[in-house]
Amino acid sequence: MTEERLQDIQSIAMHANTVFSKMYDGFGTTVGFSREPQLPNADIITIDSLRSEKRIALVVIDEKPGVVALAQGVRGTEDFTSVEEYPIDSFSSNDVVKAMESAFC
């Protein structure tokens, strides 16, 4: 994953968070970035809802450079209830906002 492509995905997550926050007041969402020891070849961008205790994770794996995995789960755990893969070239903040609505609302 190139640094530029990763920054694009981070920008998508940040924009989606801004849009969601304007649409739904009071969810207390935060965006974070991490590299997990369990997934050394992956970059993970998380969006957490403090109110609903849910998490969205955007996962970019080096071995799948053309794909973004979007997972929904419980904040503070590794428990994810669904994972969908999107082509990275057509992935947008609208995809993330829809996932946020599904997970947090």
N, C-alpha and C. Protein backbone atom coordinates (compact mmCIF):
# COMPACT_ATOMS: atom_id res chain seq x y z
N MET A 1 0.86 -1.17 0.00
CA MET A 1 0.00 0.00 0.00
C MET A 1 0.90 1.23 0.00
N THR A 2 0.67 2.08 -0.97
CA THR A 2 1.45 3.30 -1.01
C THR A 2 0.95 4.27 0.07
N GLU A 3 1.83 5.11 0.50
CA GLU A 3 1.48 6.10 1.53
C GLU A 3 0.37 7.03 1.02
N GLU A 4 0.44 7.37 -0.26
CA GLU A 4 -0.59 8.24 -0.85
C GLU A 4 -1.96 7.58 -0.83
N ARG A 5 -2.01 6.29 -1.17
CA ARG A 5 -3.29 5.56 -1.18
C ARG A 5 -3.84 5.45 0.24
N LEU A 6 -2.98 5.21 1.19
CA LEU A 6 -3.41 5.12 2.58
C LEU A 6 -3.96 6.47 3.06
N GLN A 7 -3.33 7.54 2.66
CA GLN A 7 -3.82 8.87 3.01
C GLN A 7 -5.19 9.13 2.39
N ASP A 8 -5.41 8.60 1.17
CA ASP A 8 -6.72 8.72 0.52
C ASP A 8 -7.80 8.02 1.36
N ILE A 9 -7.49 6.83 1.85
CA ILE A 9 -8.45 6.08 2.66
C ILE A 9 -8.69 6.81 3.99
N GLN A 10 -7.65 7.35 4.58
CA GLN A 10 -7.81 8.13 5.82
C GLN A 10 -8.70 9.35 5.57
N SER A 11 -8.51 10.02 4.45
CA SER A 11 -9.33 11.18 4.11
C SER A 11 -10.79 10.79 3.92
N ILE A 12 -11.02 9.64 3.30
CA ILE A 12 -12.39 9.13 3.14
C ILE A 12 -13.02 8.90 4.51
N ALA A 13 -12.29 8.29 5.42
CA ALA A 13 -12.81 8.01 6.76
C ALA A 13 -13.10 9.32 7.50
N MET A 14 -12.20 10.28 7.42
CA MET A 14 -12.39 11.56 8.10
C MET A 14 -13.60 12.31 7.53
N HIS A 15 -13.73 12.30 6.21
CA HIS A 15 -14.86 12.98 5.58
C HIS A 15 -16.17 12.30 5.97
N ALA A 16 -16.19 10.98 5.95
CA ALA A 16 -17.40 10.24 6.34
C ALA A 16 -17.78 10.56 7.78
N ASN A 17 -16.79 10.64 8.65
CA ASN A 17 -17.06 10.97 10.05
C ASN A 17 -17.67 12.37 10.19
N THR A 18 -17.16 13.32 9.43
CA THR A 18 -17.70 14.68 9.45
C THR A 18 -19.14 14.70 8.95
N VAL A 19 -19.41 14.01 7.85
CA VAL A 19 -20.76 13.95 7.30
C VAL A 19 -21.71 13.29 8.30
N PHE A 20 -21.30 12.16 8.86
CA PHE A 20 -22.14 11.45 9.83
C PHE A 20 -22.43 12.32 11.05
N SER A 21 -21.41 13.00 11.54
CA SER A 21 -21.57 13.85 12.73
C SER A 21 -22.55 14.99 12.49
N LYS A 22 -22.58 15.51 11.27
CA LYS A 22 -23.53 16.57 10.94
C LYS A 22 -24.95 16.02 10.83
N MET A 23 -25.07 14.78 10.35
CA MET A 23 -26.39 14.17 10.18
C MET A 23 -26.97 13.66 11.50
N TYR A 24 -26.10 13.14 12.36
CA TYR A 24 -26.53 12.50 13.61
C TYR A 24 -25.74 13.10 14.77
N ASP A 25 -26.34 13.99 15.46
CA ASP A 25 -25.68 14.66 16.58
C ASP A 25 -25.66 13.73 17.81
N GLY A 26 -24.58 13.76 18.54
CA GLY A 26 -24.53 13.08 19.83
C GLY A 26 -23.98 11.67 19.84
N PHE A 27 -23.45 11.17 18.72
CA PHE A 27 -22.90 9.82 18.72
C PHE A 27 -21.47 9.77 19.23
N GLY A 28 -20.80 10.92 19.28
CA GLY A 28 -19.44 10.96 19.81
C GLY A 28 -18.49 10.05 19.07
N THR A 29 -18.37 10.24 17.76
CA THR A 29 -17.51 9.37 16.96
C THR A 29 -16.07 9.88 16.93
N THR A 30 -15.13 8.94 16.87
CA THR A 30 -13.71 9.26 16.77
C THR A 30 -13.07 8.41 15.69
N VAL A 31 -12.07 8.97 15.03
CA VAL A 31 -11.35 8.26 13.98
C VAL A 31 -9.93 8.01 14.48
N GLY A 32 -9.45 6.78 14.28
CA GLY A 32 -8.10 6.43 14.71
C GLY A 32 -7.39 5.60 13.65
N PHE A 33 -6.09 5.43 13.84
CA PHE A 33 -5.26 4.67 12.92
C PHE A 33 -4.35 3.76 13.73
N SER A 34 -4.21 2.51 13.27
CA SER A 34 -3.31 1.62 14.01
C SER A 34 -2.72 0.56 13.10
N ARG A 35 -1.66 0.00 13.59
CA ARG A 35 -1.06 -1.19 13.00
C ARG A 35 -1.02 -2.22 14.12
N GLU A 36 -1.72 -3.30 13.91
CA GLU A 36 -1.86 -4.32 14.95
C GLU A 36 -0.77 -5.38 14.81
N PRO A 37 -0.19 -5.83 15.91
CA PRO A 37 0.82 -6.89 15.84
C PRO A 37 0.26 -8.18 15.22
N GLN A 38 -1.04 -8.43 15.41
CA GLN A 38 -1.66 -9.63 14.85
C GLN A 38 -1.79 -9.55 13.33
N LEU A 39 -1.79 -8.33 12.79
CA LEU A 39 -1.91 -8.11 11.35
C LEU A 39 -0.76 -7.21 10.88
N PRO A 40 0.47 -7.75 10.83
CA PRO A 40 1.62 -6.90 10.53
C PRO A 40 1.62 -6.32 9.12
N ASN A 41 0.88 -6.92 8.20
CA ASN A 41 0.85 -6.43 6.82
C ASN A 41 -0.43 -5.69 6.50
N ALA A 42 -1.02 -5.06 7.51
CA ALA A 42 -2.29 -4.35 7.32
C ALA A 42 -2.26 -3.00 8.01
N ASP A 43 -2.98 -2.08 7.40
CA ASP A 43 -3.22 -0.78 8.01
C ASP A 43 -4.69 -0.74 8.37
N ILE A 44 -5.00 -0.23 9.56
CA ILE A 44 -6.37 -0.23 10.06
C ILE A 44 -6.76 1.18 10.47
N ILE A 45 -7.87 1.63 9.93
CA ILE A 45 -8.45 2.91 10.31
C ILE A 45 -9.77 2.59 11.00
N THR A 46 -9.94 3.08 12.21
CA THR A 46 -11.15 2.78 12.97
C THR A 46 -11.99 4.02 13.17
N ILE A 47 -13.30 3.80 13.21
CA ILE A 47 -14.24 4.85 13.59
C ILE A 47 -15.09 4.24 14.70
N ASP A 48 -15.00 4.84 15.87
CA ASP A 48 -15.72 4.36 17.03
C ASP A 48 -16.86 5.30 17.39
N SER A 49 -17.96 4.71 17.86
CA SER A 49 -19.06 5.48 18.41
C SER A 49 -19.06 5.29 19.91
N LEU A 50 -18.84 6.36 20.64
CA LEU A 50 -18.82 6.29 22.09
C LEU A 50 -20.21 5.99 22.64
N ARG A 51 -21.24 6.49 21.97
CA ARG A 51 -22.61 6.31 22.44
C ARG A 51 -23.11 4.87 22.25
N SER A 52 -22.85 4.30 21.08
CA SER A 52 -23.38 2.96 20.80
C SER A 52 -22.39 1.83 21.14
N GLU A 53 -21.13 2.20 21.46
CA GLU A 53 -20.09 1.22 21.76
C GLU A 53 -19.78 0.31 20.57
N LYS A 54 -20.00 0.81 19.36
CA LYS A 54 -19.73 0.05 18.14
C LYS A 54 -18.50 0.62 17.44
N ARG A 55 -17.94 -0.19 16.53
CA ARG A 55 -16.74 0.20 15.80
C ARG A 55 -16.88 -0.20 14.33
N ILE A 56 -16.36 0.69 13.48
CA ILE A 56 -16.17 0.41 12.06
C ILE A 56 -14.66 0.35 11.87
N ALA A 57 -14.18 -0.65 11.13
CA ALA A 57 -12.75 -0.73 10.83
C ALA A 57 -12.57 -0.83 9.32
N LEU A 58 -11.74 0.04 8.78
CA LEU A 58 -11.35 -0.02 7.37
C LEU A 58 -9.97 -0.66 7.35
N VAL A 59 -9.86 -1.81 6.73
CA VAL A 59 -8.63 -2.58 6.76
C VAL A 59 -8.07 -2.68 5.34
N VAL A 60 -6.81 -2.30 5.20
CA VAL A 60 -6.10 -2.40 3.93
C VAL A 60 -4.94 -3.36 4.14
N ILE A 61 -4.99 -4.47 3.44
CA ILE A 61 -3.98 -5.52 3.59
C ILE A 61 -3.02 -5.46 2.40
N ASP A 62 -1.73 -5.51 2.70
CA ASP A 62 -0.71 -5.41 1.66
C ASP A 62 -0.90 -6.44 0.54
N GLU A 63 -1.32 -7.64 0.88
CA GLU A 63 -1.49 -8.70 -0.11
C GLU A 63 -2.73 -8.50 -0.99
N LYS A 64 -3.60 -7.55 -0.62
CA LYS A 64 -4.80 -7.24 -1.40
C LYS A 64 -4.83 -5.74 -1.68
N PRO A 65 -3.90 -5.24 -2.48
CA PRO A 65 -3.77 -3.80 -2.64
C PRO A 65 -4.96 -3.12 -3.33
N GLY A 66 -5.80 -3.85 -4.01
CA GLY A 66 -6.93 -3.25 -4.69
C GLY A 66 -8.23 -3.31 -3.92
N VAL A 67 -8.16 -3.67 -2.62
CA VAL A 67 -9.37 -3.92 -1.84
C VAL A 67 -9.29 -3.21 -0.49
N VAL A 68 -10.44 -2.68 -0.07
CA VAL A 68 -10.60 -2.16 1.29
C VAL A 68 -11.64 -3.04 1.96
N ALA A 69 -11.32 -3.62 3.11
CA ALA A 69 -12.30 -4.38 3.88
C ALA A 69 -12.92 -3.44 4.91
N LEU A 70 -14.24 -3.47 4.99
CA LEU A 70 -14.95 -2.63 5.94
C LEU A 70 -15.66 -3.57 6.91
N ALA A 71 -15.24 -3.52 8.16
CA ALA A 71 -15.78 -4.42 9.18
C ALA A 71 -16.58 -3.64 10.21
N GLN A 72 -17.63 -4.27 10.72
CA GLN A 72 -18.44 -3.68 11.79
C GLN A 72 -18.33 -4.56 13.01
N GLY A 73 -18.16 -3.94 14.17
CA GLY A 73 -18.04 -4.73 15.38
C GLY A 73 -18.26 -3.92 16.64
N VAL A 74 -17.75 -4.47 17.73
CA VAL A 74 -17.91 -3.88 19.05
C VAL A 74 -16.62 -3.14 19.43
N ARG A 75 -16.78 -1.92 19.88
CA ARG A 75 -15.65 -1.08 20.28
C ARG A 75 -14.86 -1.74 21.41
N GLY A 76 -13.54 -1.69 21.31
CA GLY A 76 -12.69 -2.22 22.36
C GLY A 76 -12.47 -3.72 22.30
N THR A 77 -12.96 -4.38 21.25
CA THR A 77 -12.79 -5.83 21.11
C THR A 77 -12.32 -6.15 19.69
N GLU A 78 -12.05 -7.40 19.47
CA GLU A 78 -11.71 -7.89 18.13
C GLU A 78 -12.91 -8.58 17.50
N ASP A 79 -14.09 -8.41 18.09
CA ASP A 79 -15.31 -9.06 17.62
C ASP A 79 -15.95 -8.23 16.50
N PHE A 80 -15.95 -8.78 15.30
CA PHE A 80 -16.58 -8.12 14.17
C PHE A 80 -17.72 -8.99 13.66
N THR A 81 -18.88 -8.37 13.47
CA THR A 81 -20.07 -9.11 13.07
C THR A 81 -20.22 -9.21 11.56
N SER A 82 -19.60 -8.31 10.83
CA SER A 82 -19.67 -8.39 9.37
C SER A 82 -18.43 -7.76 8.77
N VAL A 83 -18.05 -8.29 7.62
CA VAL A 83 -16.92 -7.75 6.87
C VAL A 83 -17.31 -7.75 5.39
N GLU A 84 -17.18 -6.60 4.76
CA GLU A 84 -17.44 -6.48 3.33
C GLU A 84 -16.19 -5.93 2.66
N GLU A 85 -15.92 -6.40 1.45
CA GLU A 85 -14.79 -5.90 0.69
C GLU A 85 -15.27 -5.00 -0.44
N TYR A 86 -14.54 -3.91 -0.65
CA TYR A 86 -14.87 -2.93 -1.68
C TYR A 86 -13.65 -2.72 -2.58
N PRO A 87 -13.85 -2.54 -3.88
CA PRO A 87 -12.72 -2.16 -4.74
C PRO A 87 -12.20 -0.79 -4.29
N ILE A 88 -10.92 -0.69 -4.11
CA ILE A 88 -10.34 0.53 -3.56
C ILE A 88 -10.55 1.74 -4.48
N ASP A 89 -10.61 1.50 -5.79
CA ASP A 89 -10.75 2.61 -6.73
C ASP A 89 -12.13 3.24 -6.71
N SER A 90 -13.14 2.51 -6.26
CA SER A 90 -14.49 3.08 -6.22
C SER A 90 -14.99 3.29 -4.79
N PHE A 91 -14.15 3.03 -3.80
CA PHE A 91 -14.51 3.19 -2.39
C PHE A 91 -14.68 4.66 -2.07
N SER A 92 -15.77 5.01 -1.37
CA SER A 92 -16.04 6.42 -1.10
C SER A 92 -16.54 6.64 0.33
N SER A 93 -16.61 7.89 0.70
CA SER A 93 -17.12 8.22 2.03
C SER A 93 -18.59 7.82 2.16
N ASN A 94 -19.33 7.77 1.06
CA ASN A 94 -20.71 7.30 1.12
C ASN A 94 -20.80 5.86 1.61
N ASP A 95 -19.86 5.01 1.18
CA ASP A 95 -19.82 3.62 1.66
C ASP A 95 -19.62 3.58 3.17
N VAL A 96 -18.75 4.44 3.67
CA VAL A 96 -18.46 4.48 5.11
C VAL A 96 -19.64 5.04 5.88
N VAL A 97 -20.26 6.10 5.37
CA VAL A 97 -21.42 6.68 6.06
C VAL A 97 -22.54 5.64 6.16
N LYS A 98 -22.79 4.90 5.09
CA LYS A 98 -23.83 3.85 5.13
C LYS A 98 -23.50 2.80 6.19
N ALA A 99 -22.24 2.41 6.28
CA ALA A 99 -21.83 1.43 7.29
C ALA A 99 -21.98 2.01 8.70
N MET A 100 -21.66 3.29 8.86
CA MET A 100 -21.80 3.95 10.16
C MET A 100 -23.28 3.99 10.56
N GLU A 101 -24.16 4.30 9.63
CA GLU A 101 -25.58 4.32 9.91
C GLU A 101 -26.07 2.93 10.33
N SER A 102 -25.60 1.92 9.62
CA SER A 102 -25.99 0.55 9.92
C SER A 102 -25.48 0.10 11.29
N ALA A 103 -24.26 0.46 11.61
CA ALA A 103 -23.66 0.00 12.86
C ALA A 103 -24.04 0.84 14.06
N PHE A 104 -24.13 2.15 13.91
CA PHE A 104 -24.27 3.04 15.04
C PHE A 104 -25.71 3.47 15.37
N CYS A 105 -26.57 3.47 14.37
CA CYS A 105 -27.94 3.99 14.58
C CYS A 105 -28.95 2.91 14.96
